[in-house]
């Protein structure tokens, strides 16, 4: 797929720090910026990683899924993210295991 222009997270999504979930079995990370219902997902392939951006009914970012990540850090996320996460409070993020579906 083509490169996605940087999508910004909503100012309303920055009140709480994001929840970062990790699923070791598939090397997938999900950065959850909000709890709104996902109505659309757009994706982009990047070298070694697939990025999927979940959007709500107002095209605001609900979450960002990264599949195939070999090594994760907040610094890496800031550089790599196809979503403009400059307003997200990543330093206070909570890391949790991925929820079972």
PDB file of N, CA and C in Angstrom:
ATOM      1  N   UNK A   1       0.835  -1.186   0.000  1.00  0.00           N
ATOM      2  CA  UNK A   1       0.000   0.000   0.000  1.00  0.00           C
ATOM      3  C   UNK A   1       0.874   1.242   0.000  1.00  0.00           C
ATOM      4  N   UNK A   2       0.306   2.356  -0.366  1.00  0.00           N
ATOM      5  CA  UNK A   2       1.043   3.599  -0.377  1.00  0.00           C
ATOM      6  C   UNK A   2       1.246   4.143   1.016  1.00  0.00           C
ATOM      7  N   UNK A   3       2.055   5.163   1.119  1.00  0.00           N
ATOM      8  CA  UNK A   3       2.352   5.771   2.414  1.00  0.00           C
ATOM      9  C   UNK A   3       1.165   6.600   2.886  1.00  0.00           C
ATOM     10  N   UNK A   4       0.825   6.458   4.137  1.00  0.00           N
ATOM     11  CA  UNK A   4      -0.272   7.204   4.741  1.00  0.00           C
ATOM     12  C   UNK A   4       0.265   8.525   5.258  1.00  0.00           C
ATOM     13  N   UNK A   5      -0.425   9.615   4.939  1.00  0.00           N
ATOM     14  CA  UNK A   5      -0.046  10.902   5.527  1.00  0.00           C
ATOM     15  C   UNK A   5      -0.243  10.818   7.028  1.00  0.00           C
ATOM     16  N   UNK A   6       0.537  11.577   7.764  1.00  0.00           N
ATOM     17  CA  UNK A   6       0.413  11.550   9.220  1.00  0.00           C
ATOM     18  C   UNK A   6      -0.995  11.968   9.628  1.00  0.00           C
ATOM     19  N   UNK A   7      -1.645  11.118  10.398  1.00  0.00           N
ATOM     20  CA  UNK A   7      -2.967  11.392  10.942  1.00  0.00           C
ATOM     21  C   UNK A   7      -2.753  11.801  12.382  1.00  0.00           C
ATOM     22  N   UNK A   8      -3.434  12.831  12.829  1.00  0.00           N
ATOM     23  CA  UNK A   8      -3.251  13.289  14.200  1.00  0.00           C
ATOM     24  C   UNK A   8      -4.277  12.655  15.111  1.00  0.00           C
ATOM     25  N   UNK A   9      -3.830  12.377  16.342  1.00  0.00           N
ATOM     26  CA  UNK A   9      -4.795  11.917  17.324  1.00  0.00           C
ATOM     27  C   UNK A   9      -5.598  13.124  17.782  1.00  0.00           C
ATOM     28  N   UNK A  10      -6.802  12.893  18.193  1.00  0.00           N
ATOM     29  CA  UNK A  10      -7.685  13.960  18.637  1.00  0.00           C
ATOM     30  C   UNK A  10      -7.205  14.556  19.955  1.00  0.00           C
ATOM     31  N   UNK A  11      -7.407  15.855  20.129  1.00  0.00           N
ATOM     32  CA  UNK A  11      -7.068  16.499  21.397  1.00  0.00           C
ATOM     33  C   UNK A  11      -7.865  15.869  22.532  1.00  0.00           C
ATOM     34  N   UNK A  12      -9.076  15.398  22.228  1.00  0.00           N
ATOM     35  CA  UNK A  12      -9.889  14.776  23.275  1.00  0.00           C
ATOM     36  C   UNK A  12      -9.318  13.440  23.699  1.00  0.00           C
ATOM     37  N   UNK A  13      -8.438  12.846  22.860  1.00  0.00           N
ATOM     38  CA  UNK A  13      -7.838  11.564  23.193  1.00  0.00           C
ATOM     39  C   UNK A  13      -6.562  11.689  24.005  1.00  0.00           C
ATOM     40  N   UNK A  14      -6.169  12.920  24.335  1.00  0.00           N
ATOM     41  CA  UNK A  14      -4.901  13.093  25.030  1.00  0.00           C
ATOM     42  C   UNK A  14      -5.061  13.275  26.541  1.00  0.00           C
ATOM     43  N   UNK A  15      -6.289  13.219  27.058  1.00  0.00           N
ATOM     44  CA  UNK A  15      -6.493  13.390  28.501  1.00  0.00           C
ATOM     45  C   UNK A  15      -5.834  12.278  29.296  1.00  0.00           C
ATOM     46  N   UNK A  16      -5.933  11.067  28.798  1.00  0.00           N
ATOM     47  CA  UNK A  16      -5.342   9.923  29.473  1.00  0.00           C
ATOM     48  C   UNK A  16      -4.160   9.430  28.644  1.00  0.00           C
ATOM     49  N   UNK A  17      -3.137   8.917  29.302  1.00  0.00           N
ATOM     50  CA  UNK A  17      -2.039   8.340  28.532  1.00  0.00           C
ATOM     51  C   UNK A  17      -2.529   7.084  27.800  1.00  0.00           C
ATOM     52  N   UNK A  18      -1.929   6.773  26.668  1.00  0.00           N
ATOM     53  CA  UNK A  18      -2.374   5.583  25.944  1.00  0.00           C
ATOM     54  C   UNK A  18      -2.038   4.298  26.689  1.00  0.00           C
ATOM     55  N   UNK A  19      -2.815   3.272  26.397  1.00  0.00           N
ATOM     56  CA  UNK A  19      -2.546   1.937  26.919  1.00  0.00           C
ATOM     57  C   UNK A  19      -1.817   1.195  25.800  1.00  0.00           C
ATOM     58  N   UNK A  20      -0.684   0.585  26.112  1.00  0.00           N
ATOM     59  CA  UNK A  20       0.096  -0.137  25.115  1.00  0.00           C
ATOM     60  C   UNK A  20       0.017  -1.622  25.442  1.00  0.00           C
ATOM     61  N   UNK A  21      -0.552  -2.373  24.497  1.00  0.00           N
ATOM     62  CA  UNK A  21      -0.753  -3.803  24.677  1.00  0.00           C
ATOM     63  C   UNK A  21       0.243  -4.564  23.802  1.00  0.00           C
ATOM     64  N   UNK A  22       0.733  -5.693  24.314  1.00  0.00           N
ATOM     65  CA  UNK A  22       1.687  -6.502  23.575  1.00  0.00           C
ATOM     66  C   UNK A  22       1.205  -7.941  23.480  1.00  0.00           C
ATOM     67  N   UNK A  23       1.202  -8.484  22.270  1.00  0.00           N
ATOM     68  CA  UNK A  23       0.869  -9.886  22.048  1.00  0.00           C
ATOM     69  C   UNK A  23       2.128 -10.568  21.526  1.00  0.00           C
ATOM     70  N   UNK A  24       2.818 -11.245  22.425  1.00  0.00           N
ATOM     71  CA  UNK A  24       4.100 -11.867  22.116  1.00  0.00           C
ATOM     72  C   UNK A  24       4.000 -12.917  21.006  1.00  0.00           C
ATOM     73  N   UNK A  25       2.880 -13.629  20.938  1.00  0.00           N
ATOM     74  CA  UNK A  25       2.753 -14.735  19.991  1.00  0.00           C
ATOM     75  C   UNK A  25       2.864 -14.285  18.534  1.00  0.00           C
ATOM     76  N   UNK A  26       2.482 -13.061  18.240  1.00  0.00           N
ATOM     77  CA  UNK A  26       2.566 -12.551  16.864  1.00  0.00           C
ATOM     78  C   UNK A  26       3.422 -11.288  16.756  1.00  0.00           C
ATOM     79  N   UNK A  27       4.135 -10.969  17.837  1.00  0.00           N
ATOM     80  CA  UNK A  27       4.966  -9.757  17.879  1.00  0.00           C
ATOM     81  C   UNK A  27       4.151  -8.529  17.453  1.00  0.00           C
ATOM     82  N   UNK A  28       2.984  -8.369  18.062  1.00  0.00           N
ATOM     83  CA  UNK A  28       2.095  -7.252  17.740  1.00  0.00           C
ATOM     84  C   UNK A  28       1.960  -6.319  18.933  1.00  0.00           C
ATOM     85  N   UNK A  29       2.000  -5.040  18.655  1.00  0.00           N
ATOM     86  CA  UNK A  29       1.808  -3.993  19.658  1.00  0.00           C
ATOM     87  C   UNK A  29       0.564  -3.213  19.273  1.00  0.00           C
ATOM     88  N   UNK A  30      -0.268  -2.884  20.259  1.00  0.00           N
ATOM     89  CA  UNK A  30      -1.450  -2.058  20.005  1.00  0.00           C
ATOM     90  C   UNK A  30      -1.396  -0.870  20.951  1.00  0.00           C
ATOM     91  N   UNK A  31      -1.356   0.324  20.392  1.00  0.00           N
ATOM     92  CA  UNK A  31      -1.339   1.547  21.185  1.00  0.00           C
ATOM     93  C   UNK A  31      -2.767   2.091  21.154  1.00  0.00           C
ATOM     94  N   UNK A  32      -3.448   2.015  22.305  1.00  0.00           N
ATOM     95  CA  UNK A  32      -4.860   2.394  22.415  1.00  0.00           C
ATOM     96  C   UNK A  32      -4.953   3.833  22.932  1.00  0.00           C
ATOM     97  N   UNK A  33      -5.439   4.736  22.074  1.00  0.00           N
ATOM     98  CA  UNK A  33      -5.565   6.148  22.428  1.00  0.00           C
ATOM     99  C   UNK A  33      -6.937   6.486  22.991  1.00  0.00           C
ATOM    100  N   UNK A  34      -7.913   5.633  22.762  1.00  0.00           N
ATOM    101  CA  UNK A  34      -9.266   5.887  23.247  1.00  0.00           C
ATOM    102  C   UNK A  34     -10.088   4.622  23.211  1.00  0.00           C
ATOM    103  N   UNK A  35     -11.341   4.719  23.642  1.00  0.00           N
ATOM    104  CA  UNK A  35     -12.210   3.552  23.715  1.00  0.00           C
ATOM    105  C   UNK A  35     -13.396   3.625  22.769  1.00  0.00           C
ATOM    106  N   UNK A  36     -13.368   4.557  21.835  1.00  0.00           N
ATOM    107  CA  UNK A  36     -14.479   4.687  20.895  1.00  0.00           C
ATOM    108  C   UNK A  36     -14.570   3.441  20.021  1.00  0.00           C
ATOM    109  N   UNK A  37     -15.738   3.230  19.451  1.00  0.00           N
ATOM    110  CA  UNK A  37     -15.953   2.093  18.563  1.00  0.00           C
ATOM    111  C   UNK A  37     -15.154   2.317  17.274  1.00  0.00           C
ATOM    112  N   UNK A  38     -14.443   1.292  16.843  1.00  0.00           N
ATOM    113  CA  UNK A  38     -13.680   1.346  15.596  1.00  0.00           C
ATOM    114  C   UNK A  38     -14.647   1.122  14.438  1.00  0.00           C
ATOM    115  N   UNK A  39     -14.658   2.060  13.481  1.00  0.00           N
ATOM    116  CA  UNK A  39     -15.526   1.910  12.316  1.00  0.00           C
ATOM    117  C   UNK A  39     -14.739   1.730  11.017  1.00  0.00           C
ATOM    118  N   UNK A  40     -13.450   2.017  11.062  1.00  0.00           N
ATOM    119  CA  UNK A  40     -12.641   1.880   9.852  1.00  0.00           C
ATOM    120  C   UNK A  40     -11.190   1.634  10.254  1.00  0.00           C
ATOM    121  N   UNK A  41     -10.521   0.790   9.487  1.00  0.00           N
ATOM    122  CA  UNK A  41      -9.101   0.532   9.695  1.00  0.00           C
ATOM    123  C   UNK A  41      -8.371   0.758   8.387  1.00  0.00           C
ATOM    124  N   UNK A  42      -7.300   1.531   8.440  1.00  0.00           N
ATOM    125  CA  UNK A  42      -6.453   1.716   7.270  1.00  0.00           C
ATOM    126  C   UNK A  42      -5.089   1.138   7.610  1.00  0.00           C
ATOM    127  N   UNK A  43      -4.415   0.599   6.602  1.00  0.00           N
ATOM    128  CA  UNK A  43      -3.139  -0.040   6.908  1.00  0.00           C
ATOM    129  C   UNK A  43      -2.067   0.357   5.910  1.00  0.00           C
ATOM    130  N   UNK A  44      -0.855   0.082   6.322  1.00  0.00           N
ATOM    131  CA  UNK A  44       0.310   0.425   5.532  1.00  0.00           C
ATOM    132  C   UNK A  44       1.406  -0.583   5.839  1.00  0.00           C
ATOM    133  N   UNK A  45       2.035  -1.088   4.791  1.00  0.00           N
ATOM    134  CA  UNK A  45       3.187  -1.966   4.972  1.00  0.00           C
ATOM    135  C   UNK A  45       4.440  -1.115   4.975  1.00  0.00           C
ATOM    136  N   UNK A  46       5.277  -1.361   5.945  1.00  0.00           N
ATOM    137  CA  UNK A  46       6.580  -0.701   6.021  1.00  0.00           C
ATOM    138  C   UNK A  46       7.615  -1.793   6.136  1.00  0.00           C
ATOM    139  N   UNK A  47       8.881  -1.501   5.887  1.00  0.00           N
ATOM    140  CA  UNK A  47       9.889  -2.561   5.951  1.00  0.00           C
ATOM    141  C   UNK A  47       9.825  -3.349   7.262  1.00  0.00           C
ATOM    142  N   UNK A  48       9.407  -4.615   7.169  1.00  0.00           N
ATOM    143  CA  UNK A  48       9.377  -5.497   8.325  1.00  0.00           C
ATOM    144  C   UNK A  48       8.210  -5.327   9.262  1.00  0.00           C
ATOM    145  N   UNK A  49       7.345  -4.334   9.035  1.00  0.00           N
ATOM    146  CA  UNK A  49       6.244  -4.056   9.968  1.00  0.00           C
ATOM    147  C   UNK A  49       4.984  -3.678   9.194  1.00  0.00           C
ATOM    148  N   UNK A  50       3.857  -4.160   9.670  1.00  0.00           N
ATOM    149  CA  UNK A  50       2.564  -3.733   9.141  1.00  0.00           C
ATOM    150  C   UNK A  50       1.935  -2.811  10.171  1.00  0.00           C
ATOM    151  N   UNK A  51       1.484  -1.643   9.742  1.00  0.00           N
ATOM    152  CA  UNK A  51       0.829  -0.682  10.635  1.00  0.00           C
ATOM    153  C   UNK A  51      -0.646  -0.584  10.250  1.00  0.00           C
ATOM    154  N   UNK A  52      -1.527  -0.756  11.232  1.00  0.00           N
ATOM    155  CA  UNK A  52      -2.967  -0.620  11.018  1.00  0.00           C
ATOM    156  C   UNK A  52      -3.486   0.466  11.956  1.00  0.00           C
ATOM    157  N   UNK A  53      -4.207   1.426  11.396  1.00  0.00           N
ATOM    158  CA  UNK A  53      -4.730   2.547  12.175  1.00  0.00           C
ATOM    159  C   UNK A  53      -6.236   2.396  12.280  1.00  0.00           C
ATOM    160  N   UNK A  54      -6.735   2.286  13.509  1.00  0.00           N
ATOM    161  CA  UNK A  54      -8.170   2.183  13.762  1.00  0.00           C
ATOM    162  C   UNK A  54      -8.745   3.569  13.982  1.00  0.00           C
ATOM    163  N   UNK A  55      -9.845   3.866  13.262  1.00  0.00           N
ATOM    164  CA  UNK A  55     -10.488   5.175  13.335  1.00  0.00           C
ATOM    165  C   UNK A  55     -11.926   5.031  13.820  1.00  0.00           C
ATOM    166  N   UNK A  56     -12.423   6.082  14.490  1.00  0.00           N
ATOM    167  CA  UNK A  56     -13.813   6.088  14.934  1.00  0.00           C
ATOM    168  C   UNK A  56     -14.696   6.739  13.866  1.00  0.00           C
ATOM    169  N   UNK A  57     -15.942   6.969  14.188  1.00  0.00           N
ATOM    170  CA  UNK A  57     -16.904   7.534  13.235  1.00  0.00           C
ATOM    171  C   UNK A  57     -16.549   8.953  12.802  1.00  0.00           C
ATOM    172  N   UNK A  58     -15.695   9.637  13.559  1.00  0.00           N
ATOM    173  CA  UNK A  58     -15.281  11.011  13.231  1.00  0.00           C
ATOM    174  C   UNK A  58     -13.871  11.045  12.653  1.00  0.00           C
ATOM    175  N   UNK A  59     -13.380   9.884  12.213  1.00  0.00           N
ATOM    176  CA  UNK A  59     -12.024   9.735  11.672  1.00  0.00           C
ATOM    177  C   UNK A  59     -10.939  10.144  12.661  1.00  0.00           C
ATOM    178  N   UNK A  60     -11.209   9.963  13.945  1.00  0.00           N
ATOM    179  CA  UNK A  60     -10.210  10.192  14.979  1.00  0.00           C
ATOM    180  C   UNK A  60      -9.553   8.848  15.297  1.00  0.00           C
ATOM    181  N   UNK A  61      -8.284   8.869  15.613  1.00  0.00           N
ATOM    182  CA  UNK A  61      -7.545   7.644  15.876  1.00  0.00           C
ATOM    183  C   UNK A  61      -7.964   7.038  17.216  1.00  0.00           C
ATOM    184  N   UNK A  62      -8.372   5.778  17.165  1.00  0.00           N
ATOM    185  CA  UNK A  62      -8.692   5.019  18.372  1.00  0.00           C
ATOM    186  C   UNK A  62      -7.456   4.237  18.802  1.00  0.00           C
ATOM    187  N   UNK A  63      -6.758   3.675  17.816  1.00  0.00           N
ATOM    188  CA  UNK A  63      -5.582   2.884  18.145  1.00  0.00           C
ATOM    189  C   UNK A  63      -4.698   2.643  16.939  1.00  0.00           C
ATOM    190  N   UNK A  64      -3.502   2.195  17.235  1.00  0.00           N
ATOM    191  CA  UNK A  64      -2.500   1.895  16.218  1.00  0.00           C
ATOM    192  C   UNK A  64      -1.943   0.510  16.507  1.00  0.00           C
ATOM    193  N   UNK A  65      -2.079  -0.396  15.549  1.00  0.00           N
ATOM    194  CA  UNK A  65      -1.534  -1.744  15.709  1.00  0.00           C
ATOM    195  C   UNK A  65      -0.290  -1.880  14.848  1.00  0.00           C
ATOM    196  N   UNK A  66       0.744  -2.445  15.431  1.00  0.00           N
ATOM    197  CA  UNK A  66       2.014  -2.660  14.740  1.00  0.00           C
ATOM    198  C   UNK A  66       2.338  -4.141  14.816  1.00  0.00           C
ATOM    199  N   UNK A  67       2.424  -4.791  13.667  1.00  0.00           N
ATOM    200  CA  UNK A  67       2.648  -6.234  13.615  1.00  0.00           C
ATOM    201  C   UNK A  67       4.020  -6.501  13.004  1.00  0.00           C
ATOM    202  N   UNK A  68       4.789  -7.382  13.650  1.00  0.00           N
ATOM    203  CA  UNK A  68       6.101  -7.755  13.150  1.00  0.00           C
ATOM    204  C   UNK A  68       7.238  -6.952  13.748  1.00  0.00           C
ATOM    205  N   UNK A  69       6.959  -6.217  14.813  1.00  0.00           N
ATOM    206  CA  UNK A  69       7.978  -5.383  15.462  1.00  0.00           C
ATOM    207  C   UNK A  69       8.961  -6.291  16.204  1.00  0.00           C
ATOM    208  N   UNK A  70      10.233  -6.153  15.906  1.00  0.00           N
ATOM    209  CA  UNK A  70      11.247  -6.982  16.573  1.00  0.00           C
ATOM    210  C   UNK A  70      11.700  -6.362  17.887  1.00  0.00           C
ATOM    211  N   UNK A  71      11.771  -5.045  17.939  1.00  0.00           N
ATOM    212  CA  UNK A  71      12.222  -4.354  19.146  1.00  0.00           C
ATOM    213  C   UNK A  71      11.420  -3.057  19.275  1.00  0.00           C
ATOM    214  N   UNK A  72      10.796  -2.849  20.432  1.00  0.00           N
ATOM    215  CA  UNK A  72       9.896  -1.714  20.631  1.00  0.00           C
ATOM    216  C   UNK A  72      10.445  -0.791  21.711  1.00  0.00           C
ATOM    217  N   UNK A  73      10.340   0.502  21.464  1.00  0.00           N
ATOM    218  CA  UNK A  73      10.635   1.510  22.485  1.00  0.00           C
ATOM    219  C   UNK A  73       9.792   2.734  22.162  1.00  0.00           C
ATOM    220  N   UNK A  74       9.607   3.591  23.141  1.00  0.00           N
ATOM    221  CA  UNK A  74       8.853   4.830  22.915  1.00  0.00           C
ATOM    222  C   UNK A  74       9.578   5.684  21.874  1.00  0.00           C
ATOM    223  N   UNK A  75      10.884   5.743  21.945  1.00  0.00           N
ATOM    224  CA  UNK A  75      11.664   6.517  20.965  1.00  0.00           C
ATOM    225  C   UNK A  75      11.433   5.969  19.548  1.00  0.00           C
ATOM    226  N   UNK A  76      11.470   4.652  19.401  1.00  0.00           N
ATOM    227  CA  UNK A  76      11.217   4.033  18.101  1.00  0.00           C
ATOM    228  C   UNK A  76       9.814   4.375  17.620  1.00  0.00           C
ATOM    229  N   UNK A  77       8.824   4.282  18.521  1.00  0.00           N
ATOM    230  CA  UNK A  77       7.437   4.570  18.166  1.00  0.00           C
ATOM    231  C   UNK A  77       7.294   6.001  17.654  1.00  0.00           C
ATOM    232  N   UNK A  78       7.932   6.945  18.305  1.00  0.00           N
ATOM    233  CA  UNK A  78       7.848   8.345  17.866  1.00  0.00           C
ATOM    234  C   UNK A  78       8.385   8.520  16.443  1.00  0.00           C
ATOM    235  N   UNK A  79       9.458   7.816  16.121  1.00  0.00           N
ATOM    236  CA  UNK A  79      10.060   7.940  14.787  1.00  0.00           C
ATOM    237  C   UNK A  79       9.267   7.189  13.730  1.00  0.00           C
ATOM    238  N   UNK A  80       8.748   6.025  14.081  1.00  0.00           N
ATOM    239  CA  UNK A  80       8.128   5.129  13.123  1.00  0.00           C
ATOM    240  C   UNK A  80       6.653   5.432  12.849  1.00  0.00           C
ATOM    241  N   UNK A  81       5.928   5.881  13.833  1.00  0.00           N
ATOM    242  CA  UNK A  81       4.468   5.953  13.776  1.00  0.00           C
ATOM    243  C   UNK A  81       3.938   6.702  12.557  1.00  0.00           C
ATOM    244  N   UNK A  82       2.989   6.077  11.834  1.00  0.00           N
ATOM    245  CA  UNK A  82       2.323   6.787  10.752  1.00  0.00           C
ATOM    246  C   UNK A  82       1.273   7.762  11.279  1.00  0.00           C
ATOM    247  N   UNK A  83       1.060   7.757  12.585  1.00  0.00           N
ATOM    248  CA  UNK A  83       0.118   8.653  13.248  1.00  0.00           C
ATOM    249  C   UNK A  83       0.913   9.731  13.978  1.00  0.00           C
ATOM    250  N   UNK A  84       0.469  10.982  13.886  1.00  0.00           N
ATOM    251  CA  UNK A  84       1.133  12.056  14.627  1.00  0.00           C
ATOM    252  C   UNK A  84       0.784  11.885  16.103  1.00  0.00           C
ATOM    253  N   UNK A  85       1.742  11.403  16.869  1.00  0.00           N
ATOM    254  CA  UNK A  85       1.517  11.116  18.286  1.00  0.00           C
ATOM    255  C   UNK A  85       2.183  12.156  19.186  1.00  0.00           C
ATOM    256  N   UNK A  86       2.515  13.306  18.616  1.00  0.00           N
ATOM    257  CA  UNK A  86       3.235  14.322  19.381  1.00  0.00           C
ATOM    258  C   UNK A  86       2.445  14.826  20.589  1.00  0.00           C
ATOM    259  N   UNK A  87       1.105  14.727  20.542  1.00  0.00           N
ATOM    260  CA  UNK A  87       0.289  15.201  21.664  1.00  0.00           C
ATOM    261  C   UNK A  87      -0.003  14.105  22.691  1.00  0.00           C
ATOM    262  N   UNK A  88       0.373  12.873  22.385  1.00  0.00           N
ATOM    263  CA  UNK A  88       0.102  11.761  23.307  1.00  0.00           C
ATOM    264  C   UNK A  88       1.120  11.747  24.438  1.00  0.00           C
ATOM    265  N   UNK A  89       0.647  11.472  25.633  1.00  0.00           N
ATOM    266  CA  UNK A  89       1.505  11.407  26.819  1.00  0.00           C
ATOM    267  C   UNK A  89       2.098  10.001  26.929  1.00  0.00           C
ATOM    268  N   UNK A  90       3.060   9.705  26.059  1.00  0.00           N
ATOM    269  CA  UNK A  90       3.627   8.359  26.003  1.00  0.00           C
ATOM    270  C   UNK A  90       4.439   7.997  27.238  1.00  0.00           C
ATOM    271  N   UNK A  91       5.007   8.975  27.908  1.00  0.00           N
ATOM    272  CA  UNK A  91       5.813   8.691  29.094  1.00  0.00           C
ATOM    273  C   UNK A  91       4.982   8.091  30.221  1.00  0.00           C
ATOM    274  N   UNK A  92       3.694   8.371  30.239  1.00  0.00           N
ATOM    275  CA  UNK A  92       2.820   7.820  31.285  1.00  0.00           C
ATOM    276  C   UNK A  92       2.004   6.637  30.777  1.00  0.00           C
ATOM    277  N   UNK A  93       2.364   6.102  29.614  1.00  0.00           N
ATOM    278  CA  UNK A  93       1.647   4.958  29.056  1.00  0.00           C
ATOM    279  C   UNK A  93       1.670   3.788  30.019  1.00  0.00           C
ATOM    280  N   UNK A  94       0.634   3.004  29.939  1.00  0.00           N
ATOM    281  CA  UNK A  94       0.530   1.789  30.741  1.00  0.00           C
ATOM    282  C   UNK A  94       0.740   0.606  29.792  1.00  0.00           C
ATOM    283  N   UNK A  95       1.683  -0.276  30.117  1.00  0.00           N
ATOM    284  CA  UNK A  95       1.956  -1.446  29.304  1.00  0.00           C
ATOM    285  C   UNK A  95       1.225  -2.640  29.911  1.00  0.00           C
ATOM    286  N   UNK A  96       0.453  -3.357  29.073  1.00  0.00           N
ATOM    287  CA  UNK A  96      -0.318  -4.506  29.544  1.00  0.00           C
ATOM    288  C   UNK A  96      -0.259  -5.611  28.507  1.00  0.00           C
ATOM    289  N   UNK A  97      -0.493  -6.863  28.914  1.00  0.00           N
ATOM    290  CA  UNK A  97      -0.611  -7.932  27.919  1.00  0.00           C
ATOM    291  C   UNK A  97      -1.849  -7.706  27.066  1.00  0.00           C
ATOM    292  N   UNK A  98      -1.812  -8.157  25.827  1.00  0.00           N
ATOM    293  CA  UNK A  98      -2.976  -8.007  24.939  1.00  0.00           C
ATOM    294  C   UNK A  98      -4.172  -8.736  25.536  1.00  0.00           C
ATOM    295  N   UNK A  99      -5.343  -8.149  25.361  1.00  0.00           N
ATOM    296  CA  UNK A  99      -6.567  -8.756  25.872  1.00  0.00           C
ATOM    297  C   UNK A  99      -6.951  -9.929  24.986  1.00  0.00           C
ATOM    298  N   UNK A 100      -7.439 -10.982  25.581  1.00  0.00           N
ATOM    299  CA  UNK A 100      -7.908 -12.141  24.811  1.00  0.00           C
ATOM    300  C   UNK A 100      -9.174 -11.777  24.082  1.00  0.00           C
ATOM    301  N   UNK A 101      -9.275 -12.240  22.865  1.00  0.00           N
ATOM    302  CA  UNK A 101     -10.468 -11.944  22.058  1.00  0.00           C
ATOM    303  C   UNK A 101     -11.444 -13.102  22.144  1.00  0.00           C
TER     304      UNK A 101
END
